[in-house]
Protein backbone atom coordinates (compact mmCIF):
# COMPACT_ATOMS: atom_id res chain seq x y z
CA MET A 1 -43.95 -40.78 -18.90
CA ASN A 2 -42.48 -42.71 -22.08
CA SER A 3 -40.29 -44.99 -21.08
CA SER A 4 -38.34 -45.42 -24.36
CA LYS A 5 -34.41 -46.51 -24.13
CA SER A 6 -33.33 -43.21 -24.94
CA GLU A 7 -35.65 -41.75 -21.77
CA LEU A 8 -34.19 -44.67 -19.45
CA ALA A 9 -30.96 -44.16 -20.70
CA ALA A 10 -31.13 -40.18 -19.71
CA ILE A 11 -32.51 -41.54 -16.40
CA TYR A 12 -29.90 -44.00 -15.60
CA PRO A 13 -27.19 -42.76 -17.31
CA ARG A 14 -24.11 -44.58 -15.04
CA CYS A 15 -26.49 -47.88 -14.30
CA ARG A 16 -26.51 -48.24 -18.12
CA THR A 17 -22.96 -48.33 -18.44
CA LEU A 18 -23.43 -51.56 -15.98
CA PHE A 19 -25.83 -53.18 -18.29
CA ASP A 20 -24.17 -55.58 -21.29
CA HIS A 21 -26.59 -54.88 -24.41
CA ASP A 22 -28.73 -58.25 -24.10
CA THR A 23 -29.48 -57.47 -20.48
CA TRP A 24 -30.44 -53.85 -20.80
CA GLN A 25 -33.21 -54.48 -24.06
CA GLN A 26 -34.51 -57.71 -21.70
CA ILE A 27 -35.01 -54.76 -19.36
CA VAL A 28 -36.81 -52.05 -21.64
CA SER A 29 -38.88 -54.82 -23.05
CA SER A 30 -40.08 -55.81 -19.61
CA PRO A 31 -43.58 -55.66 -19.26
CA GLY A 32 -42.94 -54.55 -15.58
CA LEU A 33 -41.79 -51.43 -16.82
CA ASN A 34 -44.94 -50.44 -17.46
CA HIS A 35 -43.87 -47.43 -19.28
CA LYS A 36 -43.10 -46.24 -15.70
CA PRO A 37 -38.79 -45.51 -15.09
CA GLU A 38 -39.74 -45.64 -11.64
CA ASN A 39 -40.56 -49.42 -12.08
CA PHE A 40 -36.75 -49.59 -13.49
CA LEU A 41 -35.95 -49.46 -9.56
CA GLU A 42 -37.51 -53.37 -8.60
CA ILE A 43 -36.68 -54.61 -12.01
CA VAL A 44 -32.93 -53.88 -11.30
CA GLY A 45 -32.85 -55.83 -8.38
CA SER A 46 -34.20 -58.85 -9.55
CA TYR A 47 -31.79 -58.83 -12.51
CA SER A 48 -28.04 -57.72 -10.18
CA PRO A 49 -27.65 -61.23 -9.09
CA HIS A 50 -27.78 -63.41 -12.47
CA ALA A 51 -26.47 -60.24 -14.46
CA ARG A 52 -23.30 -60.13 -13.25
CA LEU A 53 -23.63 -56.54 -11.89
CA PRO A 54 -22.28 -54.77 -9.17
CA GLU A 55 -23.80 -55.34 -5.80
CA PHE A 56 -24.66 -51.59 -5.23
CA VAL A 57 -26.55 -51.36 -8.92
CA ALA A 58 -30.01 -51.04 -7.01
CA GLU A 59 -28.84 -48.29 -4.59
CA LEU A 60 -27.08 -46.49 -8.07
CA ALA A 61 -30.15 -46.78 -9.61
CA ARG A 62 -32.06 -45.00 -6.67
CA LEU A 63 -29.66 -42.40 -6.53
CA GLU A 64 -30.03 -41.66 -10.25
CA TRP A 65 -33.62 -41.46 -10.28
CA ASN A 66 -33.90 -39.27 -7.42
CA ILE A 67 -31.52 -36.77 -9.54
CA SER A 68 -34.10 -37.14 -11.80
CA GLN A 69 -36.76 -36.02 -9.50
CA VAL A 70 -34.87 -32.77 -8.59
CA LYS A 71 -34.29 -32.06 -12.09
CA GLU A 72 -37.97 -32.55 -12.70
CA LYS A 73 -38.77 -30.11 -9.88
CA ASN A 74 -39.99 -26.73 -10.56
CA ILE A 75 -40.00 -24.89 -7.64
CA SER A 76 -39.48 -21.27 -7.31
CA MET A 77 -36.60 -20.21 -5.19
CA PRO A 78 -37.41 -17.21 -2.83
CA ASP A 79 -35.66 -13.88 -4.17
CA ASN A 80 -35.27 -12.35 -1.31
CA PRO A 81 -36.10 -14.05 1.69
CA GLU A 82 -36.81 -12.40 5.21
CA GLU A 83 -35.02 -15.33 6.93
CA ILE A 84 -32.12 -18.15 5.96
CA VAL A 85 -34.16 -21.07 4.59
CA ILE A 86 -33.16 -24.71 2.93
CA ASN A 87 -33.17 -24.69 -0.55
CA PRO A 88 -36.56 -25.97 -1.50
CA THR A 89 -35.05 -28.11 -4.36
CA LEU A 90 -32.30 -30.06 -1.85
CA LEU A 91 -33.13 -33.82 -1.20
CA LEU A 92 -31.36 -35.39 1.18
CA LEU A 93 -31.22 -39.22 0.41
CA GLU A 94 -30.09 -42.11 2.46
CA LEU A 95 -28.04 -44.66 0.82
CA GLN A 96 -26.29 -48.34 1.71
CA TRP A 97 -23.53 -47.75 -0.49
CA LYS A 98 -20.56 -45.50 -0.09
CA ASN A 99 -18.95 -43.71 -2.91
CA LEU A 100 -22.15 -43.17 -5.53
CA ALA A 101 -22.21 -39.40 -5.05
CA ASN A 102 -18.79 -39.30 -6.82
CA ASP A 103 -19.52 -42.31 -9.12
CA VAL A 104 -22.34 -40.10 -10.63
CA SER A 105 -20.54 -36.73 -10.73
CA SER A 106 -17.63 -38.71 -12.30
CA ILE A 107 -15.38 -37.51 -10.09
CA SER A 108 -12.04 -39.90 -9.63
CA ALA A 109 -12.85 -41.21 -6.32
CA GLN A 110 -12.87 -44.23 -4.40
CA ALA A 111 -15.14 -47.46 -5.15
CA PRO A 112 -18.27 -47.79 -3.90
CA GLU A 113 -18.04 -49.82 -0.94
CA PRO A 114 -20.64 -50.90 1.45
CA GLY A 115 -21.62 -48.73 4.22
CA LYS A 116 -24.28 -46.24 5.42
CA GLU A 117 -23.54 -42.45 3.41
CA TYR A 118 -25.84 -39.18 2.90
CA VAL A 119 -26.26 -37.69 -0.47
CA LEU A 120 -27.28 -34.20 -1.12
CA ILE A 121 -29.11 -33.43 -4.61
CA TRP A 122 -30.28 -29.70 -5.32
CA LYS A 123 -30.64 -26.72 -7.68
CA HIS A 124 -28.76 -24.53 -7.44
CA PRO A 125 -30.77 -21.21 -6.95
CA GLN A 126 -28.95 -18.72 -9.17
CA ASP A 127 -28.24 -21.16 -12.24
CA GLY A 128 -30.90 -23.68 -11.71
CA GLU A 129 -27.86 -26.68 -12.42
CA VAL A 130 -28.71 -30.02 -10.83
CA HIS A 131 -25.68 -30.64 -7.95
CA VAL A 132 -25.11 -33.80 -6.52
CA LYS A 133 -22.62 -34.52 -3.37
CA THR A 134 -21.94 -36.34 -0.40
CA ALA A 135 -23.18 -35.04 2.34
CA SER A 136 -20.28 -33.82 4.72
CA GLN A 137 -20.57 -33.63 8.63
CA GLU A 138 -20.24 -30.05 7.81
CA ASP A 139 -23.42 -29.89 5.81
CA LEU A 140 -25.22 -31.90 7.75
CA LEU A 141 -23.94 -29.44 10.81
CA ILE A 142 -25.28 -26.89 8.69
CA LEU A 143 -28.58 -28.16 7.72
CA LYS A 144 -29.53 -29.35 11.24
CA MET A 145 -28.81 -25.21 12.13
CA ILE A 146 -31.12 -24.19 10.13
CA SER A 147 -33.67 -26.80 10.02
CA GLU A 148 -34.15 -26.69 14.02
CA SER A 149 -33.32 -22.91 14.38
CA ILE A 150 -30.38 -23.45 16.43
CA ASP A 151 -28.28 -20.43 17.30
CA ARG A 152 -24.86 -20.49 15.44
CA LYS A 153 -22.82 -20.72 19.10
CA GLU A 154 -24.33 -23.82 20.84
CA VAL A 155 -23.66 -25.26 16.98
CA ALA A 156 -20.04 -24.54 17.33
CA GLN A 157 -20.65 -26.35 20.69
CA ILE A 158 -22.20 -29.26 19.42
CA GLY A 159 -19.80 -29.60 16.45
CA THR A 160 -16.46 -28.78 18.82
CA ILE A 161 -15.28 -25.85 16.71
CA SER A 162 -14.97 -22.41 16.34
CA THR A 163 -17.96 -19.38 15.48
CA LEU A 164 -15.98 -18.40 13.25
CA ALA A 165 -15.62 -22.26 11.85
CA VAL A 166 -19.04 -22.11 11.39
CA ASP A 167 -19.80 -19.08 9.91
CA VAL A 168 -17.33 -19.96 7.63
CA ALA A 169 -19.57 -23.64 6.70
CA PHE A 170 -22.28 -21.51 6.54
CA ASP A 171 -21.17 -19.12 3.79
CA ARG A 172 -19.75 -22.52 1.66
CA ALA A 173 -23.29 -23.72 2.07
CA VAL A 174 -24.95 -20.70 0.77
CA HIS A 175 -21.91 -20.58 -1.86
CA ARG A 176 -23.18 -24.32 -3.13
CA GLY A 177 -26.62 -22.73 -2.89
CA ILE A 178 -27.47 -26.02 -0.02
CA ILE A 179 -29.08 -22.83 2.00
CA ILE A 180 -30.76 -19.52 0.40
CA ALA A 181 -29.95 -16.22 2.88
CA PRO A 182 -31.39 -12.85 3.00
CA PRO A 183 -29.75 -10.15 1.08
CA SER A 184 -27.65 -7.76 2.64
CA ARG A 185 -29.64 -4.78 4.46
CA ILE A 186 -26.64 -2.58 3.99
CA ARG A 187 -27.14 -1.42 0.96
CA ARG A 188 -26.53 1.99 -1.10
CA ASP A 189 -29.60 4.36 -1.97
CA PHE A 190 -28.00 6.89 -4.41
CA ASP A 191 -30.01 9.20 -6.71
CA ALA A 192 -27.58 8.72 -9.64
CA ILE A 193 -28.40 4.78 -9.29
CA GLU A 194 -30.35 4.88 -11.77
CA THR A 195 -28.30 6.62 -14.48
CA SER A 196 -25.17 5.86 -13.44
CA PRO A 197 -23.31 3.04 -15.25
CA TYR A 198 -21.49 2.07 -12.22
CA ALA A 199 -24.77 1.01 -10.15
CA ARG A 200 -23.89 -2.24 -9.68
CA GLU A 201 -24.69 -4.76 -7.12
CA GLN A 202 -21.24 -5.35 -6.41
CA PHE A 203 -20.76 -1.62 -5.46
CA LEU A 204 -24.68 -0.97 -4.47
CA SER A 205 -24.61 -3.71 -1.63
CA SER A 206 -22.32 -4.51 1.43
CA PRO A 207 -21.88 -8.21 2.33
CA SER A 208 -19.96 -7.18 5.11
CA PHE A 209 -20.28 -4.21 8.01
CA THR A 210 -16.56 -2.88 10.07
CA LEU A 211 -16.39 -1.62 13.16
CA GLN A 212 -13.44 0.53 13.97
CA TRP A 213 -12.88 0.26 17.12
CA HIS A 214 -10.07 2.82 19.19
CA ILE A 215 -10.23 0.75 21.82
CA THR A 216 -7.27 3.15 23.78
CA GLN A 217 -5.67 6.24 23.46
CA ASP A 218 -2.47 5.21 24.75
CA CYS A 219 0.59 4.84 22.33
CA ASP A 220 3.95 4.30 22.37
CA LEU A 221 4.49 6.92 19.79
CA GLN A 222 3.94 10.78 19.30
CA CYS A 223 3.38 11.30 15.84
CA LYS A 224 3.34 14.77 14.05
CA HIS A 225 0.16 13.74 12.05
CA CYS A 226 -1.90 12.62 14.82
CA TYR A 227 -5.15 13.42 14.73
CA ASP A 228 -6.24 12.47 18.46
CA ARG A 229 -4.19 13.00 21.63
CA SER A 230 -7.02 13.98 23.78
CA GLU A 231 -8.20 12.03 27.10
CA ARG A 232 -10.18 9.09 26.38
CA THR A 233 -11.62 6.36 29.41
CA ALA A 234 -10.83 3.02 27.73
CA PRO A 235 -14.03 0.25 27.69
CA THR A 236 -13.35 -2.14 30.30
CA LEU A 237 -13.29 -5.99 29.26
CA GLU A 238 -17.21 -6.27 30.59
CA GLN A 239 -18.06 -2.94 28.43
CA ALA A 240 -16.07 -3.84 25.65
CA ILE A 241 -17.99 -7.35 25.62
CA THR A 242 -20.94 -5.62 25.63
CA ILE A 243 -19.95 -3.37 22.40
CA ILE A 244 -19.03 -6.95 20.75
CA ASP A 245 -22.27 -8.38 21.72
CA ASP A 246 -24.34 -5.66 19.93
CA LEU A 247 -22.13 -5.62 17.09
CA ASP A 248 -23.06 -9.43 16.28
CA ASN A 249 -26.67 -8.94 16.77
CA PHE A 250 -26.81 -5.78 14.24
CA CYS A 251 -25.32 -7.56 11.68
CA ARG A 252 -27.38 -10.91 12.05
CA GLN A 253 -30.20 -8.41 11.94
CA ARG A 254 -28.56 -6.95 8.72
CA HIS A 255 -27.59 -9.59 7.38
CA VAL A 256 -23.78 -9.22 6.90
CA LYS A 257 -20.65 -10.47 8.40
CA GLY A 258 -19.10 -8.77 10.80
CA GLN A 259 -15.32 -7.56 11.42
CA ILE A 260 -13.62 -5.59 13.75
CA SER A 261 -10.80 -3.58 13.09
CA PHE A 262 -8.69 -3.29 16.40
CA THR A 263 -6.55 0.26 16.53
CA GLY A 264 -6.06 3.39 18.58
CA GLY A 265 -3.70 4.46 20.01
CA ASN A 266 -1.72 1.16 19.49
CA PRO A 267 -4.29 -1.16 20.41
CA LEU A 268 -2.02 -4.43 21.91
CA LEU A 269 -1.68 -1.26 24.85
CA HIS A 270 -5.17 -1.77 26.11
CA PRO A 271 -4.61 -4.01 29.38
CA ASP A 272 -7.20 -6.16 28.19
CA PHE A 273 -6.66 -6.29 24.48
CA LEU A 274 -6.01 -9.90 24.46
CA SER A 275 -9.31 -10.77 26.27
CA ILE A 276 -11.38 -8.38 24.23
CA TYR A 277 -9.15 -10.28 21.14
CA ARG A 278 -10.10 -13.22 22.35
CA ALA A 279 -14.11 -12.15 23.00
CA ALA A 280 -14.49 -10.99 19.07
CA SER A 281 -12.88 -14.75 18.08
CA ASP A 282 -15.55 -16.35 19.89
CA ARG A 283 -18.00 -14.75 18.35
CA GLY A 284 -16.76 -15.13 15.01
CA PHE A 285 -15.61 -11.96 13.54
CA LYS A 286 -12.79 -11.42 11.04
CA LEU A 287 -10.32 -9.58 12.82
CA SER A 288 -7.07 -7.14 11.51
CA VAL A 289 -4.89 -5.19 13.82
CA LEU A 290 -4.33 -1.71 13.09
CA GLY A 291 -1.09 -1.08 15.23
CA ASN A 292 2.74 -0.38 15.97
CA PRO A 293 5.12 -3.38 15.71
CA THR A 294 5.40 -5.35 18.43
CA THR A 295 6.96 -8.52 19.35
CA ARG A 296 7.16 -12.08 18.25
CA GLU A 297 5.75 -13.19 21.39
CA HIS A 298 2.77 -10.80 20.84
CA ILE A 299 2.66 -12.37 17.05
CA VAL A 300 2.47 -15.73 18.35
CA THR A 301 -0.11 -15.42 21.42
CA LEU A 302 -2.89 -13.78 18.67
CA LEU A 303 -2.69 -16.27 16.35
CA SER A 304 -3.09 -19.18 19.36
CA ILE A 305 -6.54 -16.95 19.42
CA GLN A 306 -7.16 -16.35 15.74
CA GLN A 307 -5.02 -15.22 12.94
CA PRO A 308 -5.38 -11.66 12.02
CA ASP A 309 -7.00 -10.92 8.71
CA ILE A 310 -4.96 -7.80 8.18
CA PHE A 311 -2.05 -6.61 10.53
CA GLN A 312 -1.68 -2.74 9.42
CA VAL A 313 1.13 -0.77 10.65
CA SER A 314 2.52 2.47 8.98
CA LEU A 315 5.36 4.36 7.35
CA GLU A 316 5.20 8.00 6.16
CA GLY A 317 7.95 8.08 3.62
CA LEU A 318 11.76 7.27 3.44
CA PRO A 319 13.67 6.86 6.54
CA GLU A 320 14.76 9.77 7.25
CA TYR A 321 11.46 11.33 6.73
CA ASN A 322 9.60 8.56 8.92
CA ASN A 323 11.38 8.70 11.42
CA PHE A 324 10.91 12.01 11.77
CA ILE A 325 7.29 12.28 11.69
CA ARG A 326 6.95 8.54 13.50
CA GLY A 327 10.25 8.73 15.91
CA ASP A 328 14.29 7.90 15.62
CA GLY A 329 14.42 3.92 14.83
CA HIS A 330 10.75 3.22 13.67
CA PHE A 331 11.69 2.53 10.31
CA GLU A 332 13.89 -0.02 10.51
CA LYS A 333 11.82 -1.55 13.82
CA THR A 334 9.14 -1.48 11.30
CA MET A 335 10.36 -2.95 8.12
CA LEU A 336 12.03 -5.98 10.52
CA PHE A 337 7.92 -6.30 12.06
CA LEU A 338 7.14 -6.61 8.43
CA GLU A 339 9.77 -9.99 8.28
CA ILE A 340 7.83 -11.00 11.29
CA LEU A 341 4.57 -10.79 9.38
CA ARG A 342 6.01 -12.49 6.20
CA GLU A 343 7.49 -15.38 8.14
CA PHE A 344 3.73 -16.45 9.89
CA GLY A 345 1.82 -16.16 6.97
CA ILE A 346 -0.56 -12.73 7.83
CA TYR A 347 -1.09 -10.14 5.67
CA SER A 348 0.56 -7.20 6.05
CA MET A 349 -0.88 -3.54 5.38
CA VAL A 350 1.40 -0.71 5.35
CA MET A 351 -0.78 3.07 5.25
CA LEU A 352 1.06 6.32 4.51
CA THR A 353 -0.27 9.42 5.38
CA MET A 354 0.09 11.75 2.18
CA THR A 355 1.80 15.29 2.77
CA LYS A 356 3.27 18.17 0.98
CA GLU A 357 6.70 16.96 2.15
CA ASN A 358 6.40 12.95 1.43
CA ILE A 359 4.29 12.98 -1.72
CA TYR A 360 7.06 12.51 -4.20
CA GLN A 361 8.43 9.79 -1.52
CA ILE A 362 6.03 7.22 -1.97
CA LEU A 363 6.52 5.77 -4.82
CA PRO A 364 10.24 5.49 -3.85
CA LEU A 365 8.91 3.72 -0.63
CA ALA A 366 6.79 1.20 -2.51
CA GLU A 367 10.12 -0.13 -3.97
CA LEU A 368 11.56 -0.45 -0.73
CA LEU A 369 8.42 -2.71 0.41
CA ARG A 370 8.19 -4.50 -2.91
CA GLY A 371 8.03 -8.35 -2.17
CA LYS A 372 8.24 -7.47 1.91
CA ALA A 373 4.40 -6.05 2.56
CA ASN A 374 1.42 -7.57 0.96
CA VAL A 375 0.00 -4.13 0.39
CA PHE A 376 0.81 -0.64 0.23
CA TYR A 377 -1.29 2.14 0.54
CA PHE A 378 -1.66 6.03 1.26
CA ASN A 379 -4.64 8.32 2.57
CA ARG A 380 -4.27 12.28 2.18
CA LEU A 381 -3.55 14.06 5.13
CA SER A 382 -6.60 15.26 7.48
CA LYS A 383 -5.85 18.53 8.94
CA VAL A 384 -7.15 17.41 12.30
CA GLY A 385 -5.13 17.57 15.52
CA GLU A 386 -1.81 17.31 15.07
CA GLY A 387 -1.72 17.20 11.45
CA ALA A 388 -3.38 20.64 11.05
CA SER A 389 0.45 22.20 11.03
CA LEU A 390 1.47 20.05 8.18
CA GLU A 391 0.54 20.70 4.76
CA LEU A 392 -1.10 18.90 1.54
CA PRO A 393 0.15 19.39 -2.09
CA SER A 394 -1.27 21.54 -4.40
CA LYS A 395 -4.14 19.74 -6.88
CA GLN A 396 -2.77 19.69 -9.45
CA GLU A 397 0.78 18.44 -7.59
CA TYR A 398 -1.79 15.69 -6.51
CA ILE A 399 -3.30 15.14 -10.01
CA SER A 400 0.05 14.29 -11.55
CA PHE A 401 0.68 12.18 -8.70
CA LEU A 402 -2.01 10.05 -9.24
CA GLU A 403 -1.01 9.60 -12.51
CA MET A 404 2.37 8.57 -12.01
CA TYR A 405 0.75 6.78 -9.20
CA VAL A 406 -1.81 4.82 -11.00
CA SER A 407 0.97 3.92 -14.12
CA ALA A 408 3.50 2.59 -10.96
CA CYS A 409 0.52 0.20 -9.99
CA GLU A 410 0.96 -1.61 -13.24
CA LYS A 411 4.72 -2.39 -12.17
CA ASN A 412 4.54 -2.97 -8.53
CA PRO A 413 1.90 -5.20 -7.43
CA VAL A 414 2.38 -4.37 -3.81
CA LEU A 415 0.74 -0.40 -4.69
CA GLY A 416 -2.57 -0.78 -4.16
CA LEU A 417 -5.77 1.50 -4.78
CA LYS A 418 -7.52 2.89 -2.51
CA ASP A 419 -7.90 7.15 -3.21
CA ASN A 420 -11.30 7.67 -4.75
CA LEU A 421 -10.27 10.17 -6.91
CA ILE A 422 -8.28 7.31 -8.63
CA ASN A 423 -11.35 6.08 -10.78
CA VAL A 424 -11.89 9.72 -11.72
CA LEU A 425 -8.53 8.66 -13.98
CA ASN A 426 -10.22 5.22 -14.90
CA TYR A 427 -13.48 7.13 -15.96
CA GLN A 428 -10.98 9.47 -18.16
CA GLU A 429 -9.16 6.63 -19.77
CA GLY A 430 -11.90 4.02 -20.01
CA SER A 431 -11.00 1.87 -17.76
CA ALA A 432 -12.44 -0.18 -15.11
CA PRO A 433 -13.62 1.09 -11.75
CA PHE A 434 -12.43 -0.24 -8.81
CA GLY A 435 -14.08 0.15 -5.04
CA GLY A 436 -12.94 3.14 -4.10
CA CYS A 437 -11.86 3.68 -0.62
CA THR A 438 -13.71 1.36 1.05
CA GLY A 439 -15.07 -1.38 -1.51
CA PHE A 440 -17.98 1.48 -2.23
CA GLY A 441 -16.62 4.80 -2.59
CA CYS A 442 -16.17 6.91 0.60
CA GLY A 443 -17.83 4.26 3.02
CA ALA A 444 -18.43 6.49 5.80
CA ALA A 445 -21.30 5.38 8.46
CA PHE A 446 -22.57 2.86 5.43
CA ASN A 447 -20.13 -0.34 5.31
CA PHE A 448 -18.03 1.18 8.26
CA VAL A 449 -18.05 3.43 11.35
CA ALA A 450 -15.10 4.45 13.55
CA VAL A 451 -16.22 3.93 17.49
CA LEU A 452 -13.52 5.83 19.62
CA SER A 453 -12.34 4.60 22.87
CA ASP A 454 -14.69 6.65 25.29
CA GLY A 455 -17.85 4.80 22.74
CA GLU A 456 -18.43 7.99 21.05
CA VAL A 457 -19.17 6.86 17.22
CA HIS A 458 -17.78 8.36 14.43
CA ALA A 459 -18.90 8.10 10.45
CA CYS A 460 -15.14 8.59 9.93
CA ARG A 461 -12.36 8.89 11.81
CA LYS A 462 -10.36 11.35 9.92
CA PHE A 463 -12.31 13.85 10.72
CA PRO A 464 -14.77 14.90 13.65
CA SER A 465 -17.96 13.45 12.18
CA PRO A 466 -19.74 12.14 15.86
CA ILE A 467 -22.58 10.55 14.89
CA GLY A 468 -23.97 8.85 18.53
CA ASN A 469 -22.48 7.03 21.38
CA ILE A 470 -22.38 3.16 21.65
CA SER A 471 -21.81 3.59 25.42
CA HIS A 472 -25.62 4.44 26.24
CA GLN A 473 -27.04 3.36 22.19
CA LYS A 474 -27.88 0.14 19.96
CA ILE A 475 -25.01 0.59 16.77
CA ALA A 476 -28.18 -0.02 14.84
CA GLU A 477 -30.28 3.05 16.71
CA ILE A 478 -26.70 5.10 15.42
CA TYR A 479 -26.40 3.59 12.25
CA ASP A 480 -30.14 4.08 11.76
CA SER A 481 -30.20 8.01 12.92
CA GLU A 482 -30.36 11.26 10.31
CA ILE A 483 -27.30 12.20 11.03
CA ALA A 484 -25.41 9.03 10.05
CA GLU A 485 -28.00 8.81 6.73
CA ARG A 486 -26.08 12.37 6.45
CA TYR A 487 -22.98 11.22 6.20
CA ARG A 488 -23.72 8.33 4.17
CA SER A 489 -25.66 10.70 1.44
CA GLY A 490 -22.45 12.34 0.91
CA CYS A 491 -21.98 15.55 -0.23
CA ALA A 492 -24.97 16.96 -2.42
CA GLU A 493 -22.72 18.06 -4.98
CA CYS A 494 -21.11 14.52 -5.51
CA ARG A 495 -24.82 13.03 -5.64
CA LEU A 496 -26.19 12.88 -8.79
CA CYS A 497 -22.31 12.08 -10.10
CA LEU A 498 -21.80 8.84 -12.70
CA LEU A 499 -19.12 8.11 -10.41
CA ARG A 500 -20.71 8.26 -7.09
CA PRO A 501 -21.80 4.44 -6.11
CA VAL A 502 -17.55 4.09 -6.39
CA CYS A 503 -16.17 7.37 -4.99
CA GLY A 504 -17.98 10.15 -3.52
CA GLY A 505 -13.83 12.16 -3.04
CA CYS A 506 -12.93 12.31 0.22
CA LEU A 507 -15.34 13.93 3.08
CA ALA A 508 -11.79 14.67 5.49
CA SER A 509 -10.48 16.74 2.46
CA ALA A 510 -13.40 18.97 2.56
CA TYR A 511 -13.37 19.41 5.80
CA SER A 512 -9.94 19.95 5.92
CA TYR A 513 -10.07 22.81 4.00
CA GLY A 514 -13.01 24.66 5.86
CA LEU A 515 -15.66 22.94 3.77
CA ASP A 516 -19.17 22.10 4.59
CA VAL A 517 -18.69 17.89 4.01
CA PHE A 518 -22.38 17.86 3.63
CA GLU A 519 -22.42 20.48 0.46
CA LYS A 520 -19.40 20.78 -0.90
CA LYS A 521 -17.43 17.70 -2.39
CA ASP A 522 -13.60 17.14 -1.87
CA PRO A 523 -11.62 19.80 -3.49
CA TYR A 524 -9.30 17.85 -4.53
CA CYS A 525 -11.94 16.66 -7.75
CA PHE A 526 -10.63 16.76 -10.95
CA PHE A 527 -14.23 15.48 -12.42
């Protein structure tokens, strides 16, 4: 390698700024350099005492030399590793001076000072850019976990942190490119993928899997559209922990993040709810609660275990109609509860079941929720259980409402997009699609399943769609079953549709109208 002035300055740019012109020229011309830039490391040490250079210059030179070596590394990155691996370009360098990584990165920080410090140098697997950072205890813990194949629960004990904190640290390491994780194995396989303009990675591969867990049938309400009042046994604490551990294994095998949405009935009424919630927290799951308003004390207890990612409650329209559906005083109680969630910084979601009677109360209700809830969604009524006695709006009435709803979303930030058929409007108007109901259009048996209190597993809770029973089957067995794949594929009429990656309509809607959900599309589809 030719050790010209410009090449040396390129390898040791920060060091170059510390030398005066004459001293730098002496080094460049030194016979000891011998056209080998690495010899600069030895030479700079001999110059520093009498050249009035900082004491740390030799260590700085060693850092810059190693950065140049990582830049020159021509190592291919694994595209789809089977297991988690450390970035093959990663170099862990031990230095005897602190804060040098920030110095070479031009990050304003403390001046270099004596003391041992580890520095990470690596090429990012996506863009090949070289990164340099002081290795934190978090970084070292994650690297130890991967290099020594230590279970993340044991790592949590070593670091005296929660399993969730280990998972968050792991995610940060993956994002930085320090480690490389296998791709998600929760991935779409649609006939329309090759021809659809929406066959994008964000709509085809899910980074997470959710268990919508109805842990009890007990409920303190008697809603007029309830889809299941059947008697089912609730899991014991021991049975619940078995399910949680099975979900943990499934998510690790599929390389996805696990989430649990506790619901019911009212999940808070399960006698062991807090113990089940804690067990799920201990295993690092993201947790949500889909229930009814509760007390401030109960929320404080939840927060002492783990803050819910989401706390969802339901309103069915303006006060009079909502209280007709859910019971006297429910509207007022829910609005007060939203204030409690807001006080504690818990993300609040309000869900409404759309019927013929409340379709035109949705937007006025959204105005009442402005600034009080984080997001407000609606689902169309599923004519199942008690809901079979209620009516749905006509197709044309529904389409007209969707147009008003999408327009209102531009003015009211509480309104969220959920119904898959909104993407039909987006397509017609040339707007970008959103992820639909679950981020992947209809997510039935794809990135979530519903588990009832007695272990019965359904592709979607909104209509009867049994695919197995978790009491005597593993989640992997249920997920990989032929019947689960049928629900995951959606109906035959949708499979070649360009919108399928972000839509698929609503299987429960087809069921509500007595259609074959494996053959016939959502009767409200207007594409």
